[in-house]
Amino acid sequence: MFTQIHPSTPAVSPRPLRACLLLRSSIHDPRLAAIQQDRGLTFVKRCGWTIELPDDVHEVTGPGRQGHAIDLALAEFLTFATSGRYDVVVV
């Protein structure tokens, strides 16, 4: 069971959970994935979760906010969320 004391303070699990990080890449801003990875890894570490680099970091690419790209990103997210390999998917 997780307890969240304050919205800006993440809940800390009683055992280390394995996390994966999904990054959204952008052709308009190539720095976006690096920024997301830095912030995501900081969040994962703050929560006390485990993550193995580079295997647990996945970049979702697509032509933008078009329907097909969103469908692919959602399918990839659901695959990681239901695979049993990870306890937490950070987006």
C-alpha atoms as a PDB file:
ATOM      1  CA  MET A   1       0.000   0.000   0.000  1.00  0.00           C
ATOM      2  CA  PHE A   2       1.307   3.452  -0.869  1.00  0.00           C
ATOM      3  CA  THR A   3       0.855   6.546   1.212  1.00  0.00           C
ATOM      4  CA  GLN A   4       1.101   9.983  -0.311  1.00  0.00           C
ATOM      5  CA  ILE A   5       1.613  12.728   2.208  1.00  0.00           C
ATOM      6  CA  HIS A   6       1.616  15.717  -0.115  1.00  0.00           C
ATOM      7  CA  PRO A   7       0.871  15.964  -3.853  1.00  0.00           C
ATOM      8  CA  SER A   8       4.422  17.136  -4.595  1.00  0.00           C
ATOM      9  CA  THR A   9       5.923  14.271  -2.561  1.00  0.00           C
ATOM     10  CA  PRO A  10       5.819  10.902  -4.333  1.00  0.00           C
ATOM     11  CA  ALA A  11       4.720   7.832  -2.433  1.00  0.00           C
ATOM     12  CA  VAL A  12       7.582   5.536  -1.442  1.00  0.00           C
ATOM     13  CA  SER A  13       6.956   1.821  -1.807  1.00  0.00           C
ATOM     14  CA  PRO A  14       7.872  -0.716   0.882  1.00  0.00           C
ATOM     15  CA  ARG A  15      10.020  -2.637  -1.666  1.00  0.00           C
ATOM     16  CA  PRO A  16      11.965  -1.347  -4.651  1.00  0.00           C
ATOM     17  CA  LEU A  17       9.684  -1.383  -7.678  1.00  0.00           C
ATOM     18  CA  ARG A  18      11.104  -1.799 -11.170  1.00  0.00           C
ATOM     19  CA  ALA A  19      10.248   1.171 -13.347  1.00  0.00           C
ATOM     20  CA  CYS A  20      10.483   1.932 -17.019  1.00  0.00           C
ATOM     21  CA  LEU A  21      10.518   5.365 -18.532  1.00  0.00           C
ATOM     22  CA  LEU A  22       8.647   6.248 -21.738  1.00  0.00           C
ATOM     23  CA  LEU A  23       9.940   9.319 -23.543  1.00  0.00           C
ATOM     24  CA  ARG A  24       8.169  11.208 -26.305  1.00  0.00           C
ATOM     25  CA  SER A  25      10.525  12.410 -28.984  1.00  0.00           C
ATOM     26  CA  SER A  26       9.862  15.504 -31.064  1.00  0.00           C
ATOM     27  CA  ILE A  27      11.180  16.536 -34.454  1.00  0.00           C
ATOM     28  CA  HIS A  28      10.524  20.142 -33.443  1.00  0.00           C
ATOM     29  CA  ASP A  29      12.643  20.030 -30.287  1.00  0.00           C
ATOM     30  CA  PRO A  30      15.355  17.346 -30.280  1.00  0.00           C
ATOM     31  CA  ARG A  31      16.218  18.232 -26.656  1.00  0.00           C
ATOM     32  CA  LEU A  32      12.793  17.126 -25.414  1.00  0.00           C
ATOM     33  CA  ALA A  33      13.684  13.435 -24.906  1.00  0.00           C
ATOM     34  CA  ALA A  34      16.838  14.311 -22.936  1.00  0.00           C
ATOM     35  CA  ILE A  35      14.891  16.703 -20.692  1.00  0.00           C
ATOM     36  CA  GLN A  36      12.174  14.098 -20.111  1.00  0.00           C
ATOM     37  CA  GLN A  37      14.774  11.428 -19.331  1.00  0.00           C
ATOM     38  CA  ASP A  38      16.554  13.649 -16.812  1.00  0.00           C
ATOM     39  CA  ARG A  39      13.319  14.569 -15.027  1.00  0.00           C
ATOM     40  CA  GLY A  40      11.948  11.038 -15.193  1.00  0.00           C
ATOM     41  CA  LEU A  41      15.108   9.489 -13.747  1.00  0.00           C
ATOM     42  CA  THR A  42      15.132  12.069 -10.957  1.00  0.00           C
ATOM     43  CA  PHE A  43      11.519  11.171 -10.135  1.00  0.00           C
ATOM     44  CA  VAL A  44      12.232   7.419 -10.212  1.00  0.00           C
ATOM     45  CA  LYS A  45      15.219   7.807  -7.883  1.00  0.00           C
ATOM     46  CA  ARG A  46      13.250  10.057  -5.522  1.00  0.00           C
ATOM     47  CA  CYS A  47      10.574   7.375  -5.259  1.00  0.00           C
ATOM     48  CA  GLY A  48      13.170   4.714  -4.467  1.00  0.00           C
ATOM     49  CA  TRP A  49      12.319   2.658  -7.558  1.00  0.00           C
ATOM     50  CA  THR A  50      14.887   0.776  -9.625  1.00  0.00           C
ATOM     51  CA  ILE A  51      15.630   1.377 -13.281  1.00  0.00           C
ATOM     52  CA  GLU A  52      18.303  -0.164 -15.477  1.00  0.00           C
ATOM     53  CA  LEU A  53      19.827   2.088 -18.093  1.00  0.00           C
ATOM     54  CA  PRO A  54      19.492   1.988 -21.054  1.00  0.00           C
ATOM     55  CA  ASP A  55      17.204  -1.073 -21.161  1.00  0.00           C
ATOM     56  CA  ASP A  56      14.350   0.461 -19.152  1.00  0.00           C
ATOM     57  CA  VAL A  57      14.208   3.756 -21.073  1.00  0.00           C
ATOM     58  CA  HIS A  58      12.014   3.633 -24.182  1.00  0.00           C
ATOM     59  CA  GLU A  59      11.510   6.429 -26.667  1.00  0.00           C
ATOM     60  CA  VAL A  60       8.149   6.704 -28.406  1.00  0.00           C
ATOM     61  CA  THR A  61       8.459   8.272 -31.819  1.00  0.00           C
ATOM     62  CA  GLY A  62       5.767   9.383 -34.180  1.00  0.00           C
ATOM     63  CA  PRO A  63       4.739  12.153 -36.538  1.00  0.00           C
ATOM     64  CA  GLY A  64       3.166  14.272 -33.809  1.00  0.00           C
ATOM     65  CA  ARG A  65      -0.306  14.403 -32.322  1.00  0.00           C
ATOM     66  CA  GLN A  66      -1.942  12.620 -35.207  1.00  0.00           C
ATOM     67  CA  GLY A  67      -4.276   9.751 -34.414  1.00  0.00           C
ATOM     68  CA  HIS A  68      -1.956   6.983 -35.618  1.00  0.00           C
ATOM     69  CA  ALA A  69       0.993   8.228 -33.533  1.00  0.00           C
ATOM     70  CA  ILE A  70      -1.170   8.443 -30.419  1.00  0.00           C
ATOM     71  CA  ASP A  71      -2.478   4.915 -31.037  1.00  0.00           C
ATOM     72  CA  LEU A  72       1.088   3.582 -31.357  1.00  0.00           C
ATOM     73  CA  ALA A  73       2.224   5.372 -28.193  1.00  0.00           C
ATOM     74  CA  LEU A  74      -0.791   4.083 -26.256  1.00  0.00           C
ATOM     75  CA  ALA A  75      -0.206   0.527 -27.515  1.00  0.00           C
ATOM     76  CA  GLU A  76       3.436   0.688 -26.433  1.00  0.00           C
ATOM     77  CA  PHE A  77       2.452   2.065 -23.019  1.00  0.00           C
ATOM     78  CA  LEU A  78      -0.117  -0.711 -22.525  1.00  0.00           C
ATOM     79  CA  THR A  79       2.414  -3.354 -23.544  1.00  0.00           C
ATOM     80  CA  PHE A  80       4.858  -2.192 -20.869  1.00  0.00           C
ATOM     81  CA  ALA A  81       2.141  -1.686 -18.269  1.00  0.00           C
ATOM     82  CA  THR A  82       0.714  -5.193 -18.662  1.00  0.00           C
ATOM     83  CA  SER A  83       3.867  -7.199 -19.453  1.00  0.00           C
ATOM     84  CA  GLY A  84       4.729  -7.927 -15.828  1.00  0.00           C
ATOM     85  CA  ARG A  85       8.312  -6.858 -16.481  1.00  0.00           C
ATOM     86  CA  TYR A  86       7.734  -3.509 -14.792  1.00  0.00           C
ATOM     87  CA  ASP A  87       5.869  -2.452 -11.688  1.00  0.00           C
ATOM     88  CA  VAL A  88       5.727   1.230 -12.707  1.00  0.00           C
ATOM     89  CA  VAL A  89       5.572   2.992 -16.087  1.00  0.00           C
ATOM     90  CA  VAL A  90       6.677   6.632 -15.911  1.00  0.00           C
ATOM     91  CA  VAL A  91       5.474   8.759 -18.800  1.00  0.00           C
END
